[in-house]
Every structure is written in C-alpha cells, then in structure tokens.
Amino acid sequence: MATPMKPSHPFLVLLGPLISGFIGLFSEAALNIALPDFMGIFRISAATVQWLTTGYLLVVGVLLPMSSLLVRWFTTRQLVFTTQVAFVVGAVVSGLSGSFGMLLVGRLIQGIATGILIPLIVSTAVAAFPPQRRGRAMGLIGLVLMFAPAISPVVAGLILELASWKWIFWMMLPFVVASFIVSVIFLRNVREITRPHVDVASIVLSTAGFGLFVFGLSSIADQGWSSPLVYGSLVVGVMALVLFVRRQLRLTDPVLDVRAFTRRNFSVAAATIFVNGALVLSVIYLIPMYLQQGLAVGALAAGLVMLPGGLVNGVFSVWAGRATDLHKPWVLARIGFGVAIVGGLLFLLIGAGTPIWLLILAHSVVMVGVPIAMTSGQTYGLNSLPSSLGADGSTIVSTLQQIGGAVGTALGANLLSVGTQSAPPVATVAAATVTGVRYGFLCALVLAAVGLVLACLFRTPQHASAGDRREVTG
C-alpha cells in the first residue's frame, strides 16, 4: 500500500479531530465541579463518586499507549469516526442516567474516545504537517488541550446554576455533530496501514502497567501514600511497565517502539512534557481548593477567577506555535519554564488575605510559560524523530503528558494534606487549607525549576547527533 501524501491543507484535516478533542477534555474537567452534587443526588460517598474521575483516567491511561498500534491497523478516518460515535453514545448514556452506575458507564465510554483521540491528534499533525510548520500545529493542539479544561469550570458552573447537571452532556452533542461533518468533508487518511503482528503479552503488560500506575496515583488523594492499595498498585504497575519496555526492545513489531528514547532531544522533550503536565495540573487542582475551601468562594466564582489564565493560555498556545516555527525552539522552551518560575514565585505570596488579583496574575503568568515550554519542546522533540517513529513519538508524549498530569494532581493533593496537618491545632479549616495550598504551590515552583534544567539539556542542531539532526529545522 502506498504511503499517503501530505495533504495540501493540513489544518482542515486536523480541524475535525481538534473539535472532538476539545469535547473530550472539556468533559474530563467539567464533571469535576459537579461531583459534590452527585454525592447528594445518588446518595453516595466521596470515595464512590471519585470513580467518575478515577475510572475515566484509568480507561484513558490504558488506551493511550495503544495508539501507535491502532494507527497501523485502522485508517485515520475510521479511528476519528469511532471516537465521535463513542462520544455520542457516552453523552446519551450519561444524560439519560438515573443511577450512578449508568452515569459511570457513560463516562467510561467517553474515556475510550479520549484515550484513542488525544494521541491520534498529535500523530495526525506530525504526519500531515511538514517539520517546518509543526510548531503551529502543536500550538493549535495546545490551545485545544489547555483551553477546554480552562473554561469547563465556568461553563459547568453556569449549567449547575441554571439547569440540570445532565446538560453538561447534552451540550456536547452539537459539537460532536459539527466535528463529524467537518471530518467527513476534510479529514484524510494520513498514515500507511501496515497491520503488524499484535503481541498479546505486550497489550496485557501495558494494560496492567499503565492501569495500575494511574489507579495508584488517582487513589493517593483519598487513601494516602501509606495505603497498601496505593503503593502496591504503583509497585506492580512499575514492574509491569519495566517488563513491557524490555519486551518491546526484543520484538520485531513492537506495540510501542520505545527506541524513540535513543534520540537525545526526544528524550529530553518527553521529560519536559511530563514535568509540564505535572506543573499545570497541580496548579489547576490547587487553585479551586484555595478558593472554595480556603476562602469559601462558590464553584462558579472560582471558575471565573481561573478564566483569565485559561484565556491567556489559549492566546499564547497559538503564539508559541508560530514562534516555534520561526525561532529557536530550545531557547523558547527555556523562556517558557523561566516565565513559569516567575509565576511560581508569585504563588508563594498567596495567603488568607491575599487580593484575588494577585492570584489571577500568578495563574496567568504560569499559563504564559506553560504553552511556550510545551509547544516548543514537543515540536523540537518530535522533529528529531524520523517519520517511521512519528506515531510512536506522538503516543509517548501524549501518554507522558497525561501521566504527568496525574502525578501533578497526586502531588498537589498529598502536599495539601501534609500542609493542612502541619497547621497550628487552633487554626480553622479554611486557614489550614491555605497553609496546605502553599505547600502545593511550592511544589509547582520546584517543577518549573526542574523543567528549566531539563530544557537546558536540549542539544542545538550544531551539537546534536546525526539522528537528532535528521528532521530538526530549528
């Protein structure tokens, strides 16, 4: 079968999947604000309602590493249309649900769609855009991946104020229909279908490894690090992942070609993406906690406070994409993490009597740095890979971004708990929460500093290896 040619209008090819990706990540974040309502509606505990998030992340975490295999077995159009059907089915099941079990099933179906779609968007961009234009593509992807969770608290808060929670799901349907229409008209198959041998043992190890690891991370907030369930899941998950990697190195047709990590710039980029994901999700987790539990601010008001940062993130995601195509991406990555460090320092000024504008400023500054570092690092890393490793590289960075987010959330939750417990015994719950949040913000600052150190490890084209120079255009 001939390798598909690069389309003449790659943005239009990417538009349909981007709309679907927006819906997937919007739903991922929007439902979090409704969790307290579900506890009362379905008369369930906090541990039970958390499965709406944990189960969703489990499905996404299990499917993400399978993406590079799926794109070799199915066409781009087949996979995108499948995810769109899953979004519709999941939304309808959730919207019609009269029990928690039915709602959970609908969420898991949508998790299937998101787990397939997110790495598919990145791999489609790598295949459709030439290296010298991939920065813009990654900027658009960053806009979708970060803007959706940024506005979801506001939209979800409005829905909960004005209508039933079920409209969180019903409002997704017009966007999925629009995505389907755009995809039917413009989406093209951009990758060759080779249908390699499917190694069942690799799939079992990947499912167990990523599933247990994500489950362990997701359980930290509720169980704590000392829980046998948490560290048992993490240890067994890591062991399964080690066996998975070793098996991939021995296979002729690996499920996920981890040899991409032999390219230095890609390995460094993958590490920065992991750290960036942890940084942004820790901040997104901590700010609502500070506002709602520390300052007793309502959910809708908390969403509005976070909206400026989301808008700033969207603007700079697009700008970072264009800048990456025109300037040295390794320099931009360092600038991005440097700006994030400034935002982290501003977060350390936050206290019980801090004016809201300072919180908005700190959040906005971090949201300037995050997309600059993410887009430039991701583009530079993927451009260092040959086209034969493009799908595997896309899968790896998408997986690490999601796992980084899970790690960031777990760190934020754990440090919030540690900080709360370290508060003076006479402190109120609100004051103790503020103390805990400051611990978490310190962690965010450390993550930004680690990201800057990693970004300084990028090799410039003059000093890169022959493999790293193959497609780098910086």
Protein backbone atom coordinates (compact mmCIF):
# COMPACT_ATOMS: atom_id res chain seq x y z
CA MET A 1 0.00 0.00 0.00
CA ALA A 2 1.43 3.43 -0.96
CA THR A 3 2.24 5.89 1.77
CA PRO A 4 -0.42 8.66 1.82
CA MET A 5 0.86 12.04 0.61
CA LYS A 6 0.84 15.05 2.91
CA PRO A 7 -2.43 16.97 2.37
CA SER A 8 -2.33 20.42 0.80
CA HIS A 9 -4.49 21.88 3.61
CA PRO A 10 -3.33 20.10 6.78
CA PHE A 11 -5.20 22.45 9.13
CA LEU A 12 -8.54 21.41 7.65
CA VAL A 13 -7.53 17.78 8.02
CA LEU A 14 -6.85 18.39 11.70
CA LEU A 15 -9.93 20.54 12.39
CA GLY A 16 -12.47 17.75 12.94
CA PRO A 17 -10.30 15.78 15.39
CA LEU A 18 -9.45 19.02 17.21
CA ILE A 19 -13.14 19.77 17.80
CA SER A 20 -13.65 16.24 19.11
CA GLY A 21 -10.56 16.56 21.32
CA PHE A 22 -11.94 19.79 22.75
CA ILE A 23 -15.14 17.98 23.73
CA GLY A 24 -13.21 15.11 25.31
CA LEU A 25 -11.05 17.32 27.50
CA PHE A 26 -13.94 19.66 28.30
CA SER A 27 -15.95 16.72 29.65
CA GLU A 28 -12.90 15.46 31.57
CA ALA A 29 -12.66 18.68 33.58
CA ALA A 30 -16.30 19.85 33.59
CA LEU A 31 -17.65 16.91 35.55
CA ASN A 32 -15.26 17.51 38.46
CA ILE A 33 -17.20 20.58 39.53
CA ALA A 34 -20.42 18.52 39.72
CA LEU A 35 -19.03 15.75 41.94
CA PRO A 36 -20.45 17.24 45.19
CA ASP A 37 -23.88 17.44 43.54
CA PHE A 38 -23.70 13.77 42.51
CA MET A 39 -22.99 12.75 46.10
CA GLY A 40 -26.33 14.21 47.14
CA ILE A 41 -28.29 13.16 44.04
CA PHE A 42 -27.22 9.50 44.12
CA ARG A 43 -26.61 9.33 47.90
CA ILE A 44 -23.07 8.05 47.54
CA SER A 45 -19.81 8.70 49.37
CA ALA A 46 -16.91 10.84 48.23
CA ALA A 47 -14.85 7.71 47.59
CA THR A 48 -17.57 6.31 45.34
CA VAL A 49 -18.20 9.47 43.34
CA GLN A 50 -14.45 9.78 42.74
CA TRP A 51 -14.72 6.79 40.41
CA LEU A 52 -16.20 9.11 37.80
CA THR A 53 -12.73 10.64 37.62
CA THR A 54 -10.62 7.59 38.51
CA GLY A 55 -12.44 5.28 36.09
CA TYR A 56 -12.21 7.80 33.29
CA LEU A 57 -8.46 8.28 33.84
CA LEU A 58 -7.96 4.51 34.00
CA VAL A 59 -9.56 3.97 30.60
CA VAL A 60 -7.62 6.87 29.08
CA GLY A 61 -4.36 5.67 30.63
CA VAL A 62 -4.82 2.13 29.33
CA LEU A 63 -5.71 3.17 25.78
CA LEU A 64 -3.14 5.94 25.25
CA PRO A 65 -0.15 3.60 24.78
CA MET A 66 -2.16 1.54 22.25
CA SER A 67 -2.49 4.47 19.86
CA SER A 68 0.63 3.76 17.80
CA LEU A 69 -0.67 0.23 17.21
CA LEU A 70 -4.18 1.41 16.31
CA VAL A 71 -2.95 3.86 13.66
CA ARG A 72 -1.15 0.98 11.95
CA TRP A 73 -4.26 -1.18 11.88
CA PHE A 74 -7.01 1.36 11.13
CA THR A 75 -7.23 4.46 8.95
CA THR A 76 -7.34 7.96 10.38
CA ARG A 77 -10.97 8.37 9.34
CA GLN A 78 -12.02 5.06 10.89
CA LEU A 79 -10.46 5.95 14.23
CA VAL A 80 -11.81 9.50 14.34
CA PHE A 81 -15.34 8.42 13.41
CA THR A 82 -15.17 5.68 16.05
CA THR A 83 -14.25 8.20 18.75
CA GLN A 84 -17.07 10.51 17.66
CA VAL A 85 -19.59 7.67 17.95
CA ALA A 86 -18.20 6.84 21.40
CA PHE A 87 -18.57 10.48 22.48
CA VAL A 88 -22.21 10.50 21.36
CA VAL A 89 -23.04 7.15 22.99
CA GLY A 90 -21.29 8.15 26.21
CA ALA A 91 -23.08 11.51 26.32
CA VAL A 92 -26.50 9.93 25.70
CA VAL A 93 -25.97 7.19 28.29
CA SER A 94 -24.80 9.75 30.87
CA GLY A 95 -27.54 12.23 30.00
CA LEU A 96 -30.25 9.59 30.40
CA SER A 97 -28.74 8.03 33.51
CA GLY A 98 -30.96 7.62 36.54
CA SER A 99 -28.34 5.82 38.62
CA PHE A 100 -24.70 6.27 39.44
CA GLY A 101 -23.79 3.01 37.71
CA MET A 102 -25.30 4.14 34.42
CA LEU A 103 -23.56 7.51 34.68
CA LEU A 104 -20.23 5.76 35.30
CA VAL A 105 -20.72 3.55 32.22
CA GLY A 106 -21.32 6.64 30.09
CA ARG A 107 -18.14 8.25 31.43
CA LEU A 108 -16.07 5.14 30.72
CA ILE A 109 -17.33 5.10 27.12
CA GLN A 110 -16.23 8.70 26.72
CA GLY A 111 -12.89 7.75 28.26
CA ILE A 112 -12.43 5.25 25.43
CA ALA A 113 -12.92 8.06 22.92
CA THR A 114 -10.49 10.42 24.66
CA GLY A 115 -7.84 7.73 25.14
CA ILE A 116 -7.81 6.99 21.40
CA LEU A 117 -8.23 10.56 20.18
CA ILE A 118 -5.61 12.60 22.05
CA PRO A 119 -2.51 10.79 20.72
CA LEU A 120 -4.25 10.40 17.36
CA ILE A 121 -4.48 14.19 17.04
CA VAL A 122 -0.74 14.56 17.65
CA SER A 123 0.24 11.74 15.28
CA THR A 124 -2.08 13.14 12.60
CA ALA A 125 -0.43 16.55 12.95
CA VAL A 126 3.04 15.01 12.67
CA ALA A 127 2.01 13.13 9.52
CA ALA A 128 0.05 15.97 7.90
CA PHE A 129 2.32 18.95 8.62
CA PRO A 130 5.89 19.31 7.30
CA PRO A 131 8.54 19.74 10.04
CA GLN A 132 8.89 23.48 9.40
CA ARG A 133 5.17 24.01 10.15
CA ARG A 134 4.67 21.59 13.02
CA GLY A 135 5.10 24.32 15.62
CA ARG A 136 1.84 25.93 14.50
CA ALA A 137 0.13 22.55 14.59
CA MET A 138 1.34 21.89 18.14
CA GLY A 139 0.22 25.39 19.12
CA LEU A 140 -3.30 24.64 17.91
CA ILE A 141 -3.25 21.32 19.73
CA GLY A 142 -2.07 23.08 22.88
CA LEU A 143 -4.89 25.60 22.50
CA VAL A 144 -7.44 22.81 22.45
CA LEU A 145 -5.85 20.66 25.15
CA MET A 146 -5.45 23.54 27.62
CA PHE A 147 -8.34 25.87 26.77
CA ALA A 148 -11.00 23.18 27.16
CA PRO A 149 -10.21 22.40 30.82
CA ALA A 150 -9.71 26.13 31.48
CA ILE A 151 -13.24 27.16 30.51
CA SER A 152 -15.02 23.99 31.64
CA PRO A 153 -15.39 25.07 35.31
CA VAL A 154 -17.13 28.28 34.22
CA VAL A 155 -19.47 26.56 31.76
CA ALA A 156 -20.22 23.70 34.13
CA GLY A 157 -20.81 26.14 36.97
CA LEU A 158 -23.30 28.09 34.86
CA ILE A 159 -25.11 24.88 33.90
CA LEU A 160 -25.37 23.77 37.51
CA GLU A 161 -26.67 27.22 38.49
CA LEU A 162 -29.28 27.46 35.72
CA ALA A 163 -30.22 23.91 34.69
CA SER A 164 -29.76 20.19 35.38
CA TRP A 165 -26.31 18.60 35.51
CA LYS A 166 -27.40 16.42 32.57
CA TRP A 167 -26.98 19.41 30.27
CA ILE A 168 -23.22 19.06 30.74
CA PHE A 169 -23.58 16.02 28.48
CA TRP A 170 -26.39 17.20 26.20
CA MET A 171 -24.47 20.35 25.24
CA MET A 172 -21.65 18.17 23.87
CA LEU A 173 -23.80 16.69 21.10
CA PRO A 174 -23.91 19.71 18.73
CA PHE A 175 -20.12 19.98 18.89
CA VAL A 176 -19.69 16.28 18.12
CA VAL A 177 -22.08 16.62 15.17
CA ALA A 178 -20.09 19.62 13.91
CA SER A 179 -16.88 17.64 14.31
CA PHE A 180 -18.36 14.75 12.34
CA ILE A 181 -19.48 16.99 9.47
CA VAL A 182 -16.08 18.69 9.27
CA SER A 183 -14.32 15.32 9.40
CA VAL A 184 -16.49 13.85 6.62
CA ILE A 185 -15.61 16.78 4.36
CA PHE A 186 -11.94 17.43 5.16
CA LEU A 187 -10.39 14.55 7.09
CA ARG A 188 -7.93 12.44 5.09
CA ASN A 189 -6.05 9.25 5.87
CA VAL A 190 -2.50 10.41 6.55
CA ARG A 191 -0.74 7.20 7.56
CA GLU A 192 0.10 3.92 5.87
CA ILE A 193 -1.79 0.86 7.15
CA THR A 194 0.68 -1.97 7.76
CA ARG A 195 -1.30 -4.21 10.16
CA PRO A 196 1.71 -5.58 12.08
CA HIS A 197 1.56 -8.63 14.33
CA VAL A 198 -0.28 -7.90 17.58
CA ASP A 199 1.66 -9.14 20.58
CA VAL A 200 -0.96 -10.07 23.17
CA ALA A 201 1.55 -10.25 26.02
CA SER A 202 2.60 -6.64 25.35
CA ILE A 203 -1.00 -5.48 25.48
CA VAL A 204 -1.55 -7.30 28.78
CA LEU A 205 1.61 -5.81 30.29
CA SER A 206 0.75 -2.31 29.02
CA THR A 207 -2.81 -2.52 30.31
CA ALA A 208 -1.71 -3.78 33.72
CA GLY A 209 1.23 -1.39 33.98
CA PHE A 210 -0.42 1.85 32.95
CA GLY A 211 -3.76 0.90 34.52
CA LEU A 212 -2.31 0.09 37.94
CA PHE A 213 0.05 3.07 37.87
CA VAL A 214 -2.73 5.54 37.05
CA PHE A 215 -5.03 3.86 39.59
CA GLY A 216 -2.37 4.18 42.28
CA LEU A 217 -1.80 7.85 41.53
CA SER A 218 -5.54 8.56 41.44
CA SER A 219 -6.02 6.87 44.83
CA ILE A 220 -3.39 8.92 46.67
CA ALA A 221 -5.73 11.83 47.42
CA ASP A 222 -8.24 9.52 49.11
CA GLN A 223 -6.01 6.76 50.54
CA GLY A 224 -2.66 8.49 51.13
CA TRP A 225 0.82 7.30 50.18
CA SER A 226 0.98 4.83 53.07
CA SER A 227 -2.01 2.80 51.88
CA PRO A 228 -1.09 -0.75 50.73
CA LEU A 229 -3.56 -0.27 47.88
CA VAL A 230 -1.64 2.79 46.66
CA TYR A 231 1.95 1.64 46.92
CA GLY A 232 1.01 -1.91 45.91
CA SER A 233 -0.63 -0.62 42.71
CA LEU A 234 2.32 1.67 41.97
CA VAL A 235 4.96 -1.02 42.54
CA VAL A 236 3.18 -3.69 40.50
CA GLY A 237 2.38 -1.13 37.81
CA VAL A 238 6.03 -0.06 37.51
CA MET A 239 7.17 -3.69 37.38
CA ALA A 240 4.71 -4.42 34.57
CA LEU A 241 5.91 -1.34 32.68
CA VAL A 242 9.55 -2.44 33.01
CA LEU A 243 8.63 -5.84 31.57
CA PHE A 244 6.64 -4.09 28.82
CA VAL A 245 9.63 -1.95 27.80
CA ARG A 246 12.00 -4.91 27.82
CA ARG A 247 9.61 -6.88 25.63
CA GLN A 248 9.25 -4.03 23.13
CA LEU A 249 13.03 -3.91 22.68
CA ARG A 250 13.06 -7.58 21.68
CA LEU A 251 10.09 -7.55 19.30
CA THR A 252 10.37 -7.05 15.55
CA ASP A 253 6.97 -5.31 15.51
CA PRO A 254 6.63 -3.68 18.94
CA VAL A 255 3.29 -2.35 20.13
CA LEU A 256 5.12 0.84 21.10
CA ASP A 257 8.62 1.43 19.73
CA VAL A 258 10.44 2.75 22.78
CA ARG A 259 13.62 3.12 20.69
CA ALA A 260 12.43 6.68 20.19
CA PHE A 261 14.11 7.36 23.53
CA THR A 262 17.51 6.72 21.94
CA ARG A 263 17.18 10.20 20.37
CA ARG A 264 18.52 12.57 22.99
CA ASN A 265 16.39 15.58 22.08
CA PHE A 266 13.25 13.46 22.05
CA SER A 267 14.06 12.01 25.47
CA VAL A 268 14.65 15.46 26.92
CA ALA A 269 11.47 16.75 25.28
CA ALA A 270 9.48 13.83 26.70
CA ALA A 271 10.81 14.64 30.19
CA THR A 272 9.88 18.33 29.85
CA ILE A 273 6.38 17.40 28.67
CA PHE A 274 5.94 15.12 31.69
CA VAL A 275 7.08 17.89 34.06
CA ASN A 276 4.95 20.47 32.27
CA GLY A 277 1.88 18.26 32.58
CA ALA A 278 2.53 17.81 36.31
CA LEU A 279 3.06 21.55 36.75
CA VAL A 280 -0.14 22.71 35.08
CA LEU A 281 -2.39 20.06 36.64
CA SER A 282 -1.04 20.69 40.13
CA VAL A 283 -1.86 24.39 39.75
CA ILE A 284 -5.30 23.69 38.27
CA TYR A 285 -6.01 21.36 41.22
CA LEU A 286 -4.76 23.73 43.94
CA ILE A 287 -6.42 27.00 42.87
CA PRO A 288 -10.04 25.77 43.29
CA MET A 289 -9.07 24.24 46.64
CA TYR A 290 -7.68 27.58 47.79
CA LEU A 291 -10.75 29.48 46.61
CA GLN A 292 -13.51 27.07 47.63
CA GLN A 293 -12.14 25.58 50.85
CA GLY A 294 -9.76 28.34 51.93
CA LEU A 295 -11.83 31.41 51.03
CA ALA A 296 -15.32 29.81 50.85
CA VAL A 297 -15.81 31.01 47.26
CA GLY A 298 -18.54 29.32 45.19
CA ALA A 299 -17.79 26.98 42.29
CA LEU A 300 -18.92 29.43 39.60
CA ALA A 301 -16.92 32.28 41.10
CA ALA A 302 -13.86 30.03 41.34
CA GLY A 303 -14.25 29.16 37.67
CA LEU A 304 -14.44 32.85 36.76
CA VAL A 305 -11.26 33.55 38.71
CA MET A 306 -9.47 30.85 36.68
CA LEU A 307 -10.88 32.02 33.34
CA PRO A 308 -8.29 34.78 32.64
CA GLY A 309 -5.46 32.26 32.98
CA GLY A 310 -7.24 29.95 30.57
CA LEU A 311 -7.70 32.73 28.03
CA VAL A 312 -4.04 33.74 28.36
CA ASN A 313 -3.06 30.12 27.85
CA GLY A 314 -5.10 29.93 24.65
CA VAL A 315 -3.56 33.08 23.20
CA PHE A 316 0.00 32.04 23.99
CA SER A 317 -0.55 28.49 22.73
CA VAL A 318 -1.22 29.89 19.26
CA TRP A 319 1.63 32.41 19.55
CA ALA A 320 4.05 29.73 20.77
CA GLY A 321 3.23 27.58 17.76
CA ARG A 322 4.08 30.35 15.32
CA ALA A 323 7.17 31.36 17.29
CA THR A 324 8.47 27.79 17.34
CA ASP A 325 8.42 27.68 13.53
CA LEU A 326 10.31 30.98 13.30
CA HIS A 327 12.75 30.94 16.22
CA LYS A 328 14.99 28.52 18.09
CA PRO A 329 12.64 26.13 19.93
CA TRP A 330 15.22 25.13 22.57
CA VAL A 331 15.51 28.80 23.57
CA LEU A 332 11.72 29.18 23.70
CA ALA A 333 11.46 26.12 25.98
CA ARG A 334 13.87 27.74 28.44
CA ILE A 335 11.99 31.03 28.30
CA GLY A 336 8.71 29.23 28.94
CA PHE A 337 9.91 27.50 32.07
CA GLY A 338 11.60 30.73 33.21
CA VAL A 339 8.28 32.56 32.99
CA ALA A 340 6.59 29.68 34.85
CA ILE A 341 9.16 30.08 37.65
CA VAL A 342 8.16 33.75 37.99
CA GLY A 343 4.52 32.66 38.29
CA GLY A 344 5.51 30.06 40.88
CA LEU A 345 7.25 32.73 42.96
CA LEU A 346 4.10 34.86 42.81
CA PHE A 347 2.08 31.90 44.06
CA LEU A 348 4.26 31.79 47.19
CA LEU A 349 2.89 35.24 48.10
CA ILE A 350 -0.63 33.83 48.34
CA GLY A 351 -2.17 33.77 51.81
CA ALA A 352 -5.53 34.08 53.55
CA GLY A 353 -5.74 37.85 53.00
CA THR A 354 -4.25 37.95 49.50
CA PRO A 355 -6.24 40.00 46.97
CA ILE A 356 -7.79 37.95 44.19
CA TRP A 357 -5.95 39.95 41.52
CA LEU A 358 -2.62 38.55 42.74
CA LEU A 359 -3.91 35.00 42.38
CA ILE A 360 -5.17 35.78 38.86
CA LEU A 361 -1.80 37.34 38.00
CA ALA A 362 0.19 34.36 39.30
CA HIS A 363 -2.06 31.92 37.44
CA SER A 364 -1.88 33.95 34.23
CA VAL A 365 1.93 34.19 34.36
CA VAL A 366 2.22 30.42 34.75
CA MET A 367 -0.22 30.00 31.88
CA VAL A 368 2.04 32.15 29.70
CA GLY A 369 5.05 29.96 30.38
CA VAL A 370 3.40 26.55 30.16
CA PRO A 371 2.32 26.67 26.48
CA ILE A 372 5.60 28.24 25.37
CA ALA A 373 7.58 25.43 27.01
CA MET A 374 5.14 22.72 25.95
CA THR A 375 4.76 23.67 22.29
CA SER A 376 8.44 24.36 21.61
CA GLY A 377 9.67 21.28 23.47
CA GLN A 378 7.10 18.98 21.91
CA THR A 379 7.79 20.24 18.40
CA TYR A 380 11.56 20.06 18.75
CA GLY A 381 11.40 16.56 20.21
CA LEU A 382 9.05 15.16 17.57
CA ASN A 383 11.05 16.79 14.77
CA SER A 384 14.12 14.92 15.99
CA LEU A 385 12.45 11.61 15.12
CA PRO A 386 12.37 10.01 11.67
CA SER A 387 8.91 9.63 10.15
CA SER A 388 8.95 5.89 10.94
CA LEU A 389 8.86 6.75 14.67
CA GLY A 390 6.36 9.61 14.37
CA ALA A 391 3.34 7.64 15.60
CA ASP A 392 5.29 6.11 18.48
CA GLY A 393 6.70 9.51 19.47
CA SER A 394 3.23 11.05 19.43
CA THR A 395 1.89 8.24 21.59
CA ILE A 396 4.76 8.57 24.06
CA VAL A 397 4.42 12.34 24.54
CA SER A 398 0.62 12.14 24.86
CA THR A 399 0.92 9.34 27.43
CA LEU A 400 3.59 11.15 29.43
CA GLN A 401 1.56 14.37 29.42
CA GLN A 402 -1.46 12.55 30.88
CA ILE A 403 0.63 10.63 33.43
CA GLY A 404 2.42 13.84 34.34
CA GLY A 405 -0.97 15.42 34.98
CA ALA A 406 -1.93 12.51 37.23
CA VAL A 407 1.37 12.85 39.11
CA GLY A 408 0.86 16.62 39.48
CA THR A 409 -2.65 16.16 40.84
CA ALA A 410 -1.43 13.48 43.26
CA LEU A 411 1.43 15.69 44.47
CA GLY A 412 -0.91 18.65 44.89
CA ALA A 413 -3.43 16.60 46.86
CA ASN A 414 -0.78 14.99 49.05
CA LEU A 415 1.04 18.24 49.83
CA LEU A 416 -2.29 19.94 50.52
CA SER A 417 -2.99 17.23 53.09
CA VAL A 418 0.51 17.46 54.61
CA GLY A 419 0.34 21.24 54.80
CA THR A 420 -3.14 21.17 56.31
CA GLN A 421 -2.00 18.75 59.03
CA SER A 422 1.06 20.92 59.78
CA ALA A 423 -1.12 23.96 60.51
CA PRO A 424 -1.45 25.01 64.18
CA PRO A 425 -4.10 22.99 66.07
CA VAL A 426 -6.12 26.14 66.72
CA ALA A 427 -6.27 27.00 63.01
CA THR A 428 -9.64 26.92 61.30
CA VAL A 429 -10.28 24.54 58.41
CA ALA A 430 -10.00 27.46 55.99
CA ALA A 431 -6.67 28.63 57.45
CA ALA A 432 -5.29 25.08 57.43
CA THR A 433 -6.32 24.73 53.78
CA VAL A 434 -4.45 27.91 52.88
CA THR A 435 -1.34 26.52 54.57
CA GLY A 436 -1.67 23.27 52.65
CA VAL A 437 -2.15 25.05 49.34
CA ARG A 438 1.08 26.98 49.89
CA TYR A 439 2.91 23.65 50.21
CA GLY A 440 1.44 22.64 46.88
CA PHE A 441 2.42 25.92 45.21
CA LEU A 442 5.99 25.39 46.39
CA CYS A 443 5.92 22.03 44.60
CA ALA A 444 4.73 23.79 41.42
CA LEU A 445 7.71 26.15 41.67
CA VAL A 446 10.08 23.21 42.03
CA LEU A 447 8.52 21.53 38.97
CA ALA A 448 9.04 24.70 36.91
CA ALA A 449 12.68 24.82 38.02
CA VAL A 450 13.18 21.15 37.08
CA GLY A 451 11.65 21.91 33.69
CA LEU A 452 14.11 24.75 33.14
CA VAL A 453 17.05 22.48 33.98
CA LEU A 454 15.76 19.86 31.52
CA ALA A 455 15.24 22.47 28.79
CA CYS A 456 18.88 23.48 29.17
CA LEU A 457 19.82 19.90 28.23
CA PHE A 458 18.47 20.24 24.68
CA ARG A 459 21.23 19.88 22.11
CA THR A 460 21.23 22.57 19.45
CA PRO A 461 21.40 21.37 15.82
CA GLN A 462 25.15 22.10 15.69
CA HIS A 463 25.78 19.74 18.62
CA ALA A 464 23.03 17.18 18.02
CA SER A 465 23.66 13.61 16.97
CA ALA A 466 23.05 12.57 13.36
CA GLY A 467 19.72 11.05 14.39
CA ASP A 468 18.61 14.18 16.19
CA ARG A 469 19.61 16.35 13.22
CA ARG A 470 17.60 14.28 10.77
CA GLU A 471 14.44 16.40 10.90
CA VAL A 472 15.18 19.25 13.31
CA THR A 473 14.72 22.51 11.47
CA GLY A 474 15.34 24.97 14.35
